[in-house]
Amino acid sequence: MPQVNIFNWRPGSGWIVLSGGGDWLDGNLQAVEAAMLTRTLSQGPMAYLWAAGDVDTADRHMDALRDLGARTGYLIDLVSEEDDVIYNQISEAGVIVLGDGPNARTLRDALDGIALSGIQEAFDRGSTIYAAGASAAMMGAAFVERGALVDGIGWLASAVIMPGYSPDQAADLRAWVRGVPDGYGLGLGAGAGIAFGPRGEVEVLGSGAVTVSLGQRFDPDAEQTGRF
């Protein structure tokens, strides 16, 4: 896995971009999503996985992305679509969007198996993986769902990712980090993002409201929280 400081992410030829979510018309979030699009290396279409939310919201978000210059693409229903269709549409995509919404656990469960295999193949070819809002949480080692830690997909190793983060959540983030061995917290404010590149690049995007909460592994005497 590429590693820069505490960040250790899945190797591949594409970019991983995480955002804290927010209003699509907000200038900071638009800056995150425009930066995501400009870093895309693959020429394939855009695939939008909307299981965390609903199809109408996903369709409007795709329109907003097209206004920023996104290529054409399609919505993928991970719950009801046939496995071979899911795999083919995901694996050929140049941009894979994991949409925001209140049902991150539904998306996490739907990604197991064929969908995640397609994402991995696309990422190995150079596709960009963009996880927006609540979907960004599941990219880490664990995320918070209904007051409990749930396993993420681990593309950002050891991380507990908290989208929509605000400074008054610092104590909560530190508490959750204690539940992950060798863990650290990554708070992404609304309109903020962070990108991990194939050559070890780490870039803060949008508003810059990205907070890292260090666990005991990194500071054995005291836990620390600070802006990245």
Protein backbone atom coordinates (compact mmCIF):
# COMPACT_ATOMS: atom_id res chain seq x y z
CA MET A 1 0.00 0.00 0.00
CA PRO A 2 1.22 3.56 -0.69
CA GLN A 3 1.97 5.38 2.55
CA VAL A 4 2.53 9.06 3.36
CA ASN A 5 2.83 9.89 7.05
CA ILE A 6 -0.12 8.12 8.72
CA PHE A 7 -2.04 7.60 5.46
CA ASN A 8 -1.84 4.12 3.99
CA TRP A 9 -4.18 3.35 1.08
CA ARG A 10 -4.95 0.63 -1.43
CA PRO A 11 -2.46 0.49 -4.33
CA GLY A 12 -3.74 1.06 -7.84
CA SER A 13 -3.34 3.23 -10.92
CA GLY A 14 -6.16 5.65 -10.13
CA TRP A 15 -7.07 8.29 -7.54
CA ILE A 16 -9.15 7.87 -4.39
CA VAL A 17 -11.08 11.05 -3.54
CA LEU A 18 -13.15 11.43 -0.36
CA SER A 19 -15.45 14.34 0.46
CA GLY A 20 -17.27 15.40 3.60
CA GLY A 21 -20.44 15.98 1.60
CA GLY A 22 -22.57 19.10 1.59
CA ASP A 23 -24.62 21.12 -0.89
CA TRP A 24 -23.65 20.38 -4.50
CA LEU A 25 -24.04 24.08 -5.33
CA ASP A 26 -21.64 25.15 -2.58
CA GLY A 27 -18.43 26.51 -4.05
CA ASN A 28 -16.20 24.46 -1.77
CA LEU A 29 -17.82 21.14 -2.68
CA GLN A 30 -17.82 22.12 -6.35
CA ALA A 31 -14.08 22.70 -6.01
CA VAL A 32 -13.65 19.20 -4.56
CA GLU A 33 -15.64 17.59 -7.35
CA ALA A 34 -14.01 19.62 -10.10
CA ALA A 35 -10.60 18.61 -8.75
CA MET A 36 -11.72 14.98 -8.70
CA LEU A 37 -12.70 15.18 -12.36
CA THR A 38 -9.45 16.81 -13.45
CA ARG A 39 -7.40 14.07 -11.74
CA THR A 40 -9.20 11.28 -13.57
CA LEU A 41 -6.79 9.31 -15.75
CA SER A 42 -9.09 6.70 -17.32
CA GLN A 43 -11.26 7.51 -20.35
CA GLY A 44 -14.21 5.31 -19.39
CA PRO A 45 -17.73 6.56 -18.55
CA MET A 46 -18.96 7.60 -15.12
CA ALA A 47 -20.72 4.95 -13.01
CA TYR A 48 -22.83 6.21 -10.10
CA LEU A 49 -23.58 3.73 -7.28
CA TRP A 50 -26.54 5.17 -5.36
CA ALA A 51 -27.41 2.47 -2.81
CA ALA A 52 -26.68 4.84 0.12
CA GLY A 53 -29.39 7.22 -1.06
CA ASP A 54 -32.11 7.23 -3.74
CA VAL A 55 -32.12 7.25 -7.51
CA ASP A 56 -33.68 10.72 -7.92
CA THR A 57 -31.06 12.38 -5.73
CA ALA A 58 -28.33 10.48 -7.55
CA ASP A 59 -29.66 11.65 -10.91
CA ARG A 60 -29.58 15.29 -9.77
CA HIS A 61 -26.03 14.85 -8.47
CA MET A 62 -24.97 13.42 -11.82
CA ASP A 63 -26.43 16.51 -13.52
CA ALA A 64 -24.39 18.71 -11.16
CA LEU A 65 -21.24 16.73 -11.99
CA ARG A 66 -21.92 17.11 -15.73
CA ASP A 67 -22.16 20.87 -15.20
CA LEU A 68 -18.60 20.66 -13.86
CA GLY A 69 -17.44 18.83 -16.98
CA ALA A 70 -18.04 15.18 -16.09
CA ARG A 71 -18.34 12.68 -18.92
CA THR A 72 -21.54 10.81 -19.69
CA GLY A 73 -22.44 7.86 -17.51
CA TYR A 74 -25.13 5.80 -15.85
CA LEU A 75 -26.73 4.99 -12.52
CA ILE A 76 -26.20 1.48 -11.12
CA ASP A 77 -28.71 -0.24 -8.83
CA LEU A 78 -26.54 -2.58 -6.77
CA VAL A 79 -29.54 -4.16 -5.04
CA SER A 80 -31.71 -5.31 -7.95
CA GLU A 81 -29.43 -5.38 -11.02
CA GLU A 82 -27.93 -8.66 -12.30
CA ASP A 83 -24.38 -9.40 -11.14
CA ASP A 84 -22.88 -9.58 -14.63
CA VAL A 85 -24.38 -6.21 -15.56
CA ILE A 86 -23.08 -4.65 -12.34
CA TYR A 87 -19.59 -6.02 -12.87
CA ASN A 88 -19.36 -4.98 -16.52
CA GLN A 89 -20.67 -1.46 -15.96
CA ILE A 90 -18.42 -0.82 -12.96
CA SER A 91 -15.25 -2.38 -14.36
CA GLU A 92 -15.41 -0.36 -17.59
CA ALA A 93 -15.98 2.98 -15.80
CA GLY A 94 -13.39 5.73 -15.67
CA VAL A 95 -15.04 7.47 -12.70
CA ILE A 96 -16.91 5.53 -10.02
CA VAL A 97 -19.05 7.65 -7.71
CA LEU A 98 -20.21 6.23 -4.39
CA GLY A 99 -23.11 8.55 -3.69
CA ASP A 100 -24.02 10.26 -0.43
CA GLY A 101 -27.13 9.35 1.55
CA PRO A 102 -28.46 8.11 4.89
CA ASN A 103 -27.92 4.40 4.14
CA ALA A 104 -24.15 3.92 4.08
CA ARG A 105 -24.56 0.45 5.60
CA THR A 106 -26.80 -0.58 2.68
CA LEU A 107 -24.11 0.50 0.23
CA ARG A 108 -21.42 -1.23 2.27
CA ASP A 109 -23.34 -4.50 2.26
CA ALA A 110 -24.15 -4.21 -1.46
CA LEU A 111 -20.48 -3.73 -2.31
CA ASP A 112 -19.47 -7.15 -1.02
CA GLY A 113 -18.63 -9.55 -3.82
CA ILE A 114 -19.03 -8.71 -7.49
CA ALA A 115 -19.41 -4.92 -7.15
CA LEU A 116 -16.22 -4.51 -5.13
CA SER A 117 -14.36 -6.77 -7.58
CA GLY A 118 -15.44 -4.49 -10.41
CA ILE A 119 -14.31 -1.39 -8.50
CA GLN A 120 -10.94 -2.98 -7.80
CA GLU A 121 -10.43 -3.90 -11.45
CA ALA A 122 -11.36 -0.40 -12.61
CA PHE A 123 -9.10 1.22 -10.00
CA ASP A 124 -6.19 -1.00 -11.02
CA ARG A 125 -6.67 0.28 -14.59
CA GLY A 126 -6.59 3.93 -13.49
CA SER A 127 -10.21 4.78 -12.67
CA THR A 128 -11.01 7.42 -10.06
CA ILE A 129 -13.02 6.33 -7.02
CA TYR A 130 -15.03 9.23 -5.57
CA ALA A 131 -16.78 8.57 -2.25
CA ALA A 132 -19.10 11.43 -1.33
CA GLY A 133 -20.34 12.25 2.14
CA ALA A 134 -21.58 9.25 4.12
CA SER A 135 -20.09 6.88 1.55
CA ALA A 136 -16.61 8.22 2.33
CA ALA A 137 -16.93 6.79 5.84
CA MET A 138 -16.94 3.18 4.65
CA MET A 139 -13.66 3.60 2.76
CA GLY A 140 -11.75 3.33 6.05
CA ALA A 141 -11.15 0.45 8.43
CA ALA A 142 -14.40 1.16 10.29
CA PHE A 143 -17.24 3.66 10.38
CA VAL A 144 -19.96 4.64 12.82
CA GLU A 145 -23.45 3.29 12.15
CA ARG A 146 -26.28 3.73 14.68
CA GLY A 147 -23.89 4.20 17.58
CA ALA A 148 -21.58 1.29 16.78
CA LEU A 149 -18.43 0.68 14.77
CA VAL A 150 -18.98 -1.27 11.54
CA ASP A 151 -16.24 -2.69 9.34
CA GLY A 152 -15.41 -0.57 6.30
CA ILE A 153 -13.80 -1.82 3.10
CA GLY A 154 -10.35 -0.81 4.34
CA TRP A 155 -9.08 1.12 1.34
CA LEU A 156 -7.71 3.70 3.78
CA ALA A 157 -6.09 1.42 6.34
CA SER A 158 -6.60 2.03 10.09
CA ALA A 159 -8.82 5.08 9.48
CA VAL A 160 -12.11 5.94 11.13
CA ILE A 161 -13.58 8.47 8.68
CA MET A 162 -16.22 10.95 9.84
CA PRO A 163 -17.81 12.97 7.00
CA GLY A 164 -19.70 16.15 7.80
CA TYR A 165 -17.25 16.65 10.66
CA SER A 166 -17.27 19.75 12.87
CA PRO A 167 -14.86 20.68 15.70
CA ASP A 168 -17.43 19.93 18.40
CA GLN A 169 -17.20 16.25 17.37
CA ALA A 170 -13.52 15.97 18.31
CA ALA A 171 -14.15 13.96 21.48
CA ASP A 172 -16.51 11.59 19.66
CA LEU A 173 -13.96 10.97 16.91
CA ARG A 174 -11.21 10.23 19.46
CA ALA A 175 -13.50 7.80 21.27
CA TRP A 176 -14.30 5.87 18.09
CA VAL A 177 -10.62 5.70 17.14
CA ARG A 178 -9.94 3.76 20.34
CA GLY A 179 -12.04 0.94 18.90
CA VAL A 180 -9.67 0.38 15.95
CA PRO A 181 -6.24 -1.19 16.58
CA ASP A 182 -3.50 1.25 15.53
CA GLY A 183 -6.27 3.54 14.34
CA TYR A 184 -6.57 7.25 13.65
CA GLY A 185 -9.50 9.50 12.88
CA LEU A 186 -10.10 11.49 9.71
CA GLY A 187 -12.72 14.22 9.98
CA LEU A 188 -13.96 15.68 6.69
CA GLY A 189 -15.95 18.87 7.04
CA ALA A 190 -18.78 19.71 4.65
CA GLY A 191 -17.23 21.08 1.47
CA ALA A 192 -13.83 19.55 2.23
CA GLY A 193 -12.07 16.66 0.56
CA ILE A 194 -8.86 14.69 0.46
CA ALA A 195 -7.32 12.86 -2.50
CA PHE A 196 -4.83 10.00 -2.62
CA GLY A 197 -2.91 9.46 -5.83
CA PRO A 198 -1.19 6.48 -7.45
CA ARG A 199 2.29 7.90 -6.87
CA GLY A 200 1.90 8.71 -3.21
CA GLU A 201 0.17 12.07 -3.64
CA VAL A 202 -1.98 13.38 -0.78
CA GLU A 203 -3.94 16.56 -1.51
CA VAL A 204 -6.45 18.49 0.59
CA LEU A 205 -9.31 19.90 -1.48
CA GLY A 206 -12.19 22.37 -1.15
CA SER A 207 -12.54 24.25 2.13
CA GLY A 208 -9.51 22.49 3.63
CA ALA A 209 -11.49 21.46 6.73
CA VAL A 210 -9.71 18.12 7.11
CA THR A 211 -8.91 17.02 10.66
CA VAL A 212 -6.72 14.13 11.80
CA SER A 213 -7.17 12.64 15.27
CA LEU A 214 -4.13 10.63 16.33
CA GLY A 215 -4.62 7.47 18.34
CA GLN A 216 -2.29 5.93 20.90
CA ARG A 217 -0.07 4.28 18.29
CA PHE A 218 1.09 7.67 17.04
CA ASP A 219 1.28 9.45 20.39
CA PRO A 220 1.56 7.01 23.29
CA ASP A 221 1.34 9.71 25.96
CA ALA A 222 -1.65 11.68 24.74
CA GLU A 223 -4.15 11.64 21.91
CA GLN A 224 -4.11 14.69 19.69
CA THR A 225 -6.55 16.29 17.30
CA GLY A 226 -5.49 18.86 14.73
CA ARG A 227 -6.15 20.24 11.27
CA PHE A 228 -4.23 18.52 8.52
